[in-house]
Amino acid sequence: MKEFVEYLVKHLVDKPDDVTVTEVEKENVTIYELRVGEGDLGKVIGKGGQHARALRTLLNAATRKMGRNANLEIIENR
């Protein structure tokens, strides 16, 4: 699933080499922490959060088919 998120995000940003996704396993949920290069955060979030919402919807649909729960966290690099 990590590769799926990376694939989608790399096609949204200007600097695809700076995209990193970290998978964190919790008790009953997998958290995917997404980090992108400088200047690409807005492209991932999208106008009004549309891209972020769509990414989360796709991730949830794919993981629920496998009987898992997932959450996407977009982390701002500082």
PDB file of N, CA and C in Angstrom:
ATOM      1  N   MET A   1       0.815  -1.185   0.000  1.00  0.00           N
ATOM      2  CA  MET A   1       0.000   0.000   0.000  1.00  0.00           C
ATOM      3  C   MET A   1       0.870   1.265   0.000  1.00  0.00           C
ATOM      4  N   LYS A   2       2.034   1.164   0.635  1.00  0.00           N
ATOM      5  CA  LYS A   2       2.976   2.281   0.671  1.00  0.00           C
ATOM      6  C   LYS A   2       3.354   2.697  -0.753  1.00  0.00           C
ATOM      7  N   GLU A   3       3.611   1.741  -1.608  1.00  0.00           N
ATOM      8  CA  GLU A   3       3.983   2.015  -2.990  1.00  0.00           C
ATOM      9  C   GLU A   3       2.837   2.675  -3.746  1.00  0.00           C
ATOM     10  N   PHE A   4       1.610   2.280  -3.428  1.00  0.00           N
ATOM     11  CA  PHE A   4       0.421   2.859  -4.049  1.00  0.00           C
ATOM     12  C   PHE A   4       0.328   4.358  -3.742  1.00  0.00           C
ATOM     13  N   VAL A   5       0.518   4.721  -2.487  1.00  0.00           N
ATOM     14  CA  VAL A   5       0.470   6.127  -2.074  1.00  0.00           C
ATOM     15  C   VAL A   5       1.605   6.903  -2.747  1.00  0.00           C
ATOM     16  N   GLU A   6       2.802   6.343  -2.749  1.00  0.00           N
ATOM     17  CA  GLU A   6       3.940   7.002  -3.397  1.00  0.00           C
ATOM     18  C   GLU A   6       3.664   7.238  -4.874  1.00  0.00           C
ATOM     19  N   TYR A   7       3.138   6.241  -5.543  1.00  0.00           N
ATOM     20  CA  TYR A   7       2.835   6.341  -6.969  1.00  0.00           C
ATOM     21  C   TYR A   7       1.868   7.491  -7.245  1.00  0.00           C
ATOM     22  N   LEU A   8       0.795   7.561  -6.479  1.00  0.00           N
ATOM     23  CA  LEU A   8      -0.197   8.608  -6.686  1.00  0.00           C
ATOM     24  C   LEU A   8       0.392   9.997  -6.443  1.00  0.00           C
ATOM     25  N   VAL A   9       1.104  10.147  -5.342  1.00  0.00           N
ATOM     26  CA  VAL A   9       1.629  11.458  -4.967  1.00  0.00           C
ATOM     27  C   VAL A   9       2.729  11.916  -5.923  1.00  0.00           C
ATOM     28  N   LYS A  10       3.560  11.009  -6.369  1.00  0.00           N
ATOM     29  CA  LYS A  10       4.651  11.385  -7.277  1.00  0.00           C
ATOM     30  C   LYS A  10       4.130  11.977  -8.578  1.00  0.00           C
ATOM     31  N   HIS A  11       2.903  11.639  -8.946  1.00  0.00           N
ATOM     32  CA  HIS A  11       2.320  12.191 -10.166  1.00  0.00           C
ATOM     33  C   HIS A  11       1.643  13.541  -9.932  1.00  0.00           C
ATOM     34  N   LEU A  12       1.571  13.977  -8.693  1.00  0.00           N
ATOM     35  CA  LEU A  12       0.971  15.271  -8.371  1.00  0.00           C
ATOM     36  C   LEU A  12       2.010  16.379  -8.185  1.00  0.00           C
ATOM     37  N   VAL A  13       3.217  16.019  -7.804  1.00  0.00           N
ATOM     38  CA  VAL A  13       4.207  17.006  -7.367  1.00  0.00           C
ATOM     39  C   VAL A  13       5.229  17.328  -8.463  1.00  0.00           C
ATOM     40  N   ASP A  14       5.966  18.433  -8.229  1.00  0.00           N
ATOM     41  CA  ASP A  14       7.031  18.829  -9.151  1.00  0.00           C
ATOM     42  C   ASP A  14       8.342  18.103  -8.868  1.00  0.00           C
ATOM     43  N   LYS A  15       8.539  17.683  -7.610  1.00  0.00           N
ATOM     44  CA  LYS A  15       9.779  17.014  -7.206  1.00  0.00           C
ATOM     45  C   LYS A  15       9.460  15.593  -6.711  1.00  0.00           C
ATOM     46  N   PRO A  16       9.238  14.659  -7.624  1.00  0.00           N
ATOM     47  CA  PRO A  16       8.849  13.302  -7.210  1.00  0.00           C
ATOM     48  C   PRO A  16       9.925  12.562  -6.425  1.00  0.00           C
ATOM     49  N   ASP A  17      11.185  12.950  -6.595  1.00  0.00           N
ATOM     50  CA  ASP A  17      12.253  12.275  -5.859  1.00  0.00           C
ATOM     51  C   ASP A  17      12.243  12.615  -4.371  1.00  0.00           C
ATOM     52  N   ASP A  18      11.559  13.696  -3.993  1.00  0.00           N
ATOM     53  CA  ASP A  18      11.496  14.112  -2.590  1.00  0.00           C
ATOM     54  C   ASP A  18      10.319  13.509  -1.838  1.00  0.00           C
ATOM     55  N   VAL A  19       9.510  12.706  -2.501  1.00  0.00           N
ATOM     56  CA  VAL A  19       8.341  12.093  -1.860  1.00  0.00           C
ATOM     57  C   VAL A  19       8.790  10.887  -1.036  1.00  0.00           C
ATOM     58  N   THR A  20       8.408  10.883   0.252  1.00  0.00           N
ATOM     59  CA  THR A  20       8.674   9.726   1.106  1.00  0.00           C
ATOM     60  C   THR A  20       7.410   9.362   1.867  1.00  0.00           C
ATOM     61  N   VAL A  21       7.168   8.080   1.968  1.00  0.00           N
ATOM     62  CA  VAL A  21       6.030   7.570   2.716  1.00  0.00           C
ATOM     63  C   VAL A  21       6.571   6.581   3.738  1.00  0.00           C
ATOM     64  N   THR A  22       6.217   6.820   4.999  1.00  0.00           N
ATOM     65  CA  THR A  22       6.632   5.941   6.080  1.00  0.00           C
ATOM     66  C   THR A  22       5.400   5.228   6.617  1.00  0.00           C
ATOM     67  N   GLU A  23       5.509   3.927   6.775  1.00  0.00           N
ATOM     68  CA  GLU A  23       4.401   3.099   7.244  1.00  0.00           C
ATOM     69  C   GLU A  23       4.583   2.820   8.738  1.00  0.00           C
ATOM     70  N   VAL A  24       3.598   3.203   9.545  1.00  0.00           N
ATOM     71  CA  VAL A  24       3.648   2.995  10.992  1.00  0.00           C
ATOM     72  C   VAL A  24       2.472   2.102  11.381  1.00  0.00           C
ATOM     73  N   GLU A  25       2.788   0.931  11.930  1.00  0.00           N
ATOM     74  CA  GLU A  25       1.753  -0.016  12.343  1.00  0.00           C
ATOM     75  C   GLU A  25       1.315   0.263  13.778  1.00  0.00           C
ATOM     76  N   LYS A  26       0.037   0.420  13.982  1.00  0.00           N
ATOM     77  CA  LYS A  26      -0.542   0.558  15.321  1.00  0.00           C
ATOM     78  C   LYS A  26      -1.401  -0.675  15.573  1.00  0.00           C
ATOM     79  N   GLU A  27      -2.131  -0.678  16.671  1.00  0.00           N
ATOM     80  CA  GLU A  27      -2.926  -1.854  17.046  1.00  0.00           C
ATOM     81  C   GLU A  27      -3.875  -2.310  15.932  1.00  0.00           C
ATOM     82  N   ASN A  28      -4.751  -1.428  15.492  1.00  0.00           N
ATOM     83  CA  ASN A  28      -5.731  -1.839  14.493  1.00  0.00           C
ATOM     84  C   ASN A  28      -5.755  -0.914  13.281  1.00  0.00           C
ATOM     85  N   VAL A  29      -4.707  -0.111  13.116  1.00  0.00           N
ATOM     86  CA  VAL A  29      -4.659   0.820  11.995  1.00  0.00           C
ATOM     87  C   VAL A  29      -3.215   0.983  11.517  1.00  0.00           C
ATOM     88  N   THR A  30      -3.065   1.192  10.241  1.00  0.00           N
ATOM     89  CA  THR A  30      -1.766   1.506   9.657  1.00  0.00           C
ATOM     90  C   THR A  30      -1.771   2.977   9.293  1.00  0.00           C
ATOM     91  N   ILE A  31      -0.782   3.698   9.766  1.00  0.00           N
ATOM     92  CA  ILE A  31      -0.675   5.123   9.478  1.00  0.00           C
ATOM     93  C   ILE A  31       0.416   5.314   8.434  1.00  0.00           C
ATOM     94  N   TYR A  32       0.076   6.028   7.372  1.00  0.00           N
ATOM     95  CA  TYR A  32       1.035   6.346   6.322  1.00  0.00           C
ATOM     96  C   TYR A  32       1.394   7.816   6.463  1.00  0.00           C
ATOM     97  N   GLU A  33       2.654   8.086   6.799  1.00  0.00           N
ATOM     98  CA  GLU A  33       3.140   9.452   6.966  1.00  0.00           C
ATOM     99  C   GLU A  33       3.769   9.895   5.652  1.00  0.00           C
ATOM    100  N   LEU A  34       3.212  10.931   5.064  1.00  0.00           N
ATOM    101  CA  LEU A  34       3.647  11.425   3.762  1.00  0.00           C
ATOM    102  C   LEU A  34       4.428  12.721   3.925  1.00  0.00           C
ATOM    103  N   ARG A  35       5.603  12.752   3.324  1.00  0.00           N
ATOM    104  CA  ARG A  35       6.425  13.968   3.300  1.00  0.00           C
ATOM    105  C   ARG A  35       6.773  14.259   1.845  1.00  0.00           C
ATOM    106  N   VAL A  36       6.686  15.542   1.474  1.00  0.00           N
ATOM    107  CA  VAL A  36       7.003  15.949   0.098  1.00  0.00           C
ATOM    108  C   VAL A  36       8.036  17.066   0.139  1.00  0.00           C
ATOM    109  N   GLY A  37       8.603  17.383  -1.016  1.00  0.00           N
ATOM    110  CA  GLY A  37       9.612  18.423  -1.115  1.00  0.00           C
ATOM    111  C   GLY A  37       9.038  19.813  -0.905  1.00  0.00           C
ATOM    112  N   GLU A  38       9.937  20.744  -0.702  1.00  0.00           N
ATOM    113  CA  GLU A  38       9.544  22.136  -0.474  1.00  0.00           C
ATOM    114  C   GLU A  38       8.761  22.668  -1.675  1.00  0.00           C
ATOM    115  N   GLY A  39       7.647  23.286  -1.401  1.00  0.00           N
ATOM    116  CA  GLY A  39       6.809  23.855  -2.448  1.00  0.00           C
ATOM    117  C   GLY A  39       5.766  22.907  -3.007  1.00  0.00           C
ATOM    118  N   ASP A  40       5.801  21.644  -2.643  1.00  0.00           N
ATOM    119  CA  ASP A  40       4.855  20.667  -3.176  1.00  0.00           C
ATOM    120  C   ASP A  40       3.694  20.356  -2.228  1.00  0.00           C
ATOM    121  N   LEU A  41       3.729  20.885  -1.024  1.00  0.00           N
ATOM    122  CA  LEU A  41       2.682  20.576  -0.051  1.00  0.00           C
ATOM    123  C   LEU A  41       1.308  21.016  -0.556  1.00  0.00           C
ATOM    124  N   GLY A  42       1.245  22.189  -1.148  1.00  0.00           N
ATOM    125  CA  GLY A  42      -0.024  22.695  -1.666  1.00  0.00           C
ATOM    126  C   GLY A  42      -0.587  21.837  -2.779  1.00  0.00           C
ATOM    127  N   LYS A  43       0.279  21.258  -3.590  1.00  0.00           N
ATOM    128  CA  LYS A  43      -0.174  20.390  -4.675  1.00  0.00           C
ATOM    129  C   LYS A  43      -0.778  19.096  -4.140  1.00  0.00           C
ATOM    130  N   VAL A  44      -0.227  18.606  -3.039  1.00  0.00           N
ATOM    131  CA  VAL A  44      -0.730  17.370  -2.451  1.00  0.00           C
ATOM    132  C   VAL A  44      -2.058  17.621  -1.737  1.00  0.00           C
ATOM    133  N   ILE A  45      -2.171  18.749  -1.067  1.00  0.00           N
ATOM    134  CA  ILE A  45      -3.404  19.063  -0.348  1.00  0.00           C
ATOM    135  C   ILE A  45      -4.497  19.473  -1.330  1.00  0.00           C
ATOM    136  N   GLY A  46      -4.155  20.284  -2.305  1.00  0.00           N
ATOM    137  CA  GLY A  46      -5.119  20.701  -3.311  1.00  0.00           C
ATOM    138  C   GLY A  46      -6.027  21.815  -2.816  1.00  0.00           C
ATOM    139  N   LYS A  47      -6.778  22.386  -3.732  1.00  0.00           N
ATOM    140  CA  LYS A  47      -7.687  23.485  -3.409  1.00  0.00           C
ATOM    141  C   LYS A  47      -8.800  22.990  -2.497  1.00  0.00           C
ATOM    142  N   GLY A  48      -8.861  23.566  -1.319  1.00  0.00           N
ATOM    143  CA  GLY A  48      -9.888  23.167  -0.362  1.00  0.00           C
ATOM    144  C   GLY A  48      -9.679  21.768   0.189  1.00  0.00           C
ATOM    145  N   GLY A  49      -8.477  21.210   0.004  1.00  0.00           N
ATOM    146  CA  GLY A  49      -8.188  19.878   0.509  1.00  0.00           C
ATOM    147  C   GLY A  49      -8.705  18.751  -0.365  1.00  0.00           C
ATOM    148  N   GLN A  50      -9.052  19.063  -1.606  1.00  0.00           N
ATOM    149  CA  GLN A  50      -9.640  18.050  -2.493  1.00  0.00           C
ATOM    150  C   GLN A  50      -8.688  16.898  -2.797  1.00  0.00           C
ATOM    151  N   HIS A  51      -7.426  17.201  -3.067  1.00  0.00           N
ATOM    152  CA  HIS A  51      -6.473  16.121  -3.368  1.00  0.00           C
ATOM    153  C   HIS A  51      -6.240  15.242  -2.150  1.00  0.00           C
ATOM    154  N   ALA A  52      -6.054  15.866  -0.987  1.00  0.00           N
ATOM    155  CA  ALA A  52      -5.827  15.100   0.241  1.00  0.00           C
ATOM    156  C   ALA A  52      -7.024  14.208   0.547  1.00  0.00           C
ATOM    157  N   ARG A  53      -8.205  14.735   0.391  1.00  0.00           N
ATOM    158  CA  ARG A  53      -9.424  13.956   0.642  1.00  0.00           C
ATOM    159  C   ARG A  53      -9.529  12.774  -0.328  1.00  0.00           C
ATOM    160  N   ALA A  54      -9.202  13.022  -1.601  1.00  0.00           N
ATOM    161  CA  ALA A  54      -9.247  11.950  -2.605  1.00  0.00           C
ATOM    162  C   ALA A  54      -8.206  10.871  -2.306  1.00  0.00           C
ATOM    163  N   LEU A  55      -6.994  11.283  -1.913  1.00  0.00           N
ATOM    164  CA  LEU A  55      -5.955  10.311  -1.558  1.00  0.00           C
ATOM    165  C   LEU A  55      -6.397   9.447  -0.382  1.00  0.00           C
ATOM    166  N   ARG A  56      -6.987  10.068   0.623  1.00  0.00           N
ATOM    167  CA  ARG A  56      -7.459   9.319   1.794  1.00  0.00           C
ATOM    168  C   ARG A  56      -8.588   8.365   1.429  1.00  0.00           C
ATOM    169  N   THR A  57      -9.478   8.798   0.545  1.00  0.00           N
ATOM    170  CA  THR A  57     -10.584   7.940   0.110  1.00  0.00           C
ATOM    171  C   THR A  57     -10.061   6.710  -0.621  1.00  0.00           C
ATOM    172  N   LEU A  58      -9.122   6.913  -1.539  1.00  0.00           N
ATOM    173  CA  LEU A  58      -8.540   5.786  -2.273  1.00  0.00           C
ATOM    174  C   LEU A  58      -7.807   4.831  -1.337  1.00  0.00           C
ATOM    175  N   LEU A  59      -7.047   5.384  -0.403  1.00  0.00           N
ATOM    176  CA  LEU A  59      -6.301   4.558   0.546  1.00  0.00           C
ATOM    177  C   LEU A  59      -7.253   3.735   1.407  1.00  0.00           C
ATOM    178  N   ASN A  60      -8.298   4.371   1.918  1.00  0.00           N
ATOM    179  CA  ASN A  60      -9.264   3.655   2.753  1.00  0.00           C
ATOM    180  C   ASN A  60      -9.996   2.569   1.973  1.00  0.00           C
ATOM    181  N   ALA A  61     -10.371   2.865   0.730  1.00  0.00           N
ATOM    182  CA  ALA A  61     -11.065   1.869  -0.080  1.00  0.00           C
ATOM    183  C   ALA A  61     -10.178   0.657  -0.345  1.00  0.00           C
ATOM    184  N   ALA A  62      -8.912   0.908  -0.646  1.00  0.00           N
ATOM    185  CA  ALA A  62      -7.997  -0.195  -0.949  1.00  0.00           C
ATOM    186  C   ALA A  62      -7.688  -1.029   0.289  1.00  0.00           C
ATOM    187  N   THR A  63      -7.497  -0.391   1.430  1.00  0.00           N
ATOM    188  CA  THR A  63      -7.133  -1.155   2.626  1.00  0.00           C
ATOM    189  C   THR A  63      -8.328  -1.877   3.239  1.00  0.00           C
ATOM    190  N   ARG A  64      -9.507  -1.328   3.122  1.00  0.00           N
ATOM    191  CA  ARG A  64     -10.683  -2.015   3.676  1.00  0.00           C
ATOM    192  C   ARG A  64     -11.000  -3.297   2.924  1.00  0.00           C
ATOM    193  N   LYS A  65     -10.659  -3.330   1.655  1.00  0.00           N
ATOM    194  CA  LYS A  65     -10.835  -4.572   0.890  1.00  0.00           C
ATOM    195  C   LYS A  65      -9.949  -5.678   1.452  1.00  0.00           C
ATOM    196  N   MET A  66      -8.844  -5.269   2.090  1.00  0.00           N
ATOM    197  CA  MET A  66      -7.923  -6.237   2.686  1.00  0.00           C
ATOM    198  C   MET A  66      -8.240  -6.458   4.162  1.00  0.00           C
ATOM    199  N   GLY A  67      -9.314  -5.831   4.666  1.00  0.00           N
ATOM    200  CA  GLY A  67      -9.699  -6.010   6.058  1.00  0.00           C
ATOM    201  C   GLY A  67      -8.872  -5.194   7.032  1.00  0.00           C
ATOM    202  N   ARG A  68      -8.282  -4.101   6.583  1.00  0.00           N
ATOM    203  CA  ARG A  68      -7.436  -3.250   7.431  1.00  0.00           C
ATOM    204  C   ARG A  68      -8.008  -1.838   7.465  1.00  0.00           C
ATOM    205  N   ASN A  69      -7.557  -1.067   8.414  1.00  0.00           N
ATOM    206  CA  ASN A  69      -7.866   0.358   8.487  1.00  0.00           C
ATOM    207  C   ASN A  69      -6.581   1.126   8.249  1.00  0.00           C
ATOM    208  N   ALA A  70      -6.688   2.260   7.564  1.00  0.00           N
ATOM    209  CA  ALA A  70      -5.501   3.061   7.271  1.00  0.00           C
ATOM    210  C   ALA A  70      -5.814   4.529   7.427  1.00  0.00           C
ATOM    211  N   ASN A  71      -4.765   5.305   7.685  1.00  0.00           N
ATOM    212  CA  ASN A  71      -4.882   6.746   7.840  1.00  0.00           C
ATOM    213  C   ASN A  71      -3.687   7.373   7.141  1.00  0.00           C
ATOM    214  N   LEU A  72      -3.932   8.470   6.428  1.00  0.00           N
ATOM    215  CA  LEU A  72      -2.858   9.193   5.745  1.00  0.00           C
ATOM    216  C   LEU A  72      -2.618  10.503   6.485  1.00  0.00           C
ATOM    217  N   GLU A  73      -1.381  10.696   6.918  1.00  0.00           N
ATOM    218  CA  GLU A  73      -0.983  11.946   7.563  1.00  0.00           C
ATOM    219  C   GLU A  73       0.005  12.646   6.648  1.00  0.00           C
ATOM    220  N   ILE A  74      -0.324  13.877   6.302  1.00  0.00           N
ATOM    221  CA  ILE A  74       0.556  14.686   5.462  1.00  0.00           C
ATOM    222  C   ILE A  74       1.360  15.569   6.407  1.00  0.00           C
ATOM    223  N   ILE A  75       2.663  15.358   6.426  1.00  0.00           N
ATOM    224  CA  ILE A  75       3.537  16.036   7.382  1.00  0.00           C
ATOM    225  C   ILE A  75       4.328  17.116   6.667  1.00  0.00           C
ATOM    226  N   GLU A  76       4.259  18.324   7.210  1.00  0.00           N
ATOM    227  CA  GLU A  76       4.976  19.450   6.636  1.00  0.00           C
ATOM    228  C   GLU A  76       6.432  19.425   7.081  1.00  0.00           C
ATOM    229  N   ASN A  77       7.350  19.488   6.130  1.00  0.00           N
ATOM    230  CA  ASN A  77       8.783  19.541   6.448  1.00  0.00           C
ATOM    231  C   ASN A  77       9.150  20.949   6.855  1.00  0.00           C
ATOM    232  N   ARG A  78       9.957  21.074   7.893  1.00  0.00           N
ATOM    233  CA  ARG A  78      10.397  22.406   8.354  1.00  0.00           C
ATOM    234  C   ARG A  78      11.882  22.462   8.430  1.00  0.00           C
TER     235      ARG A  78
END
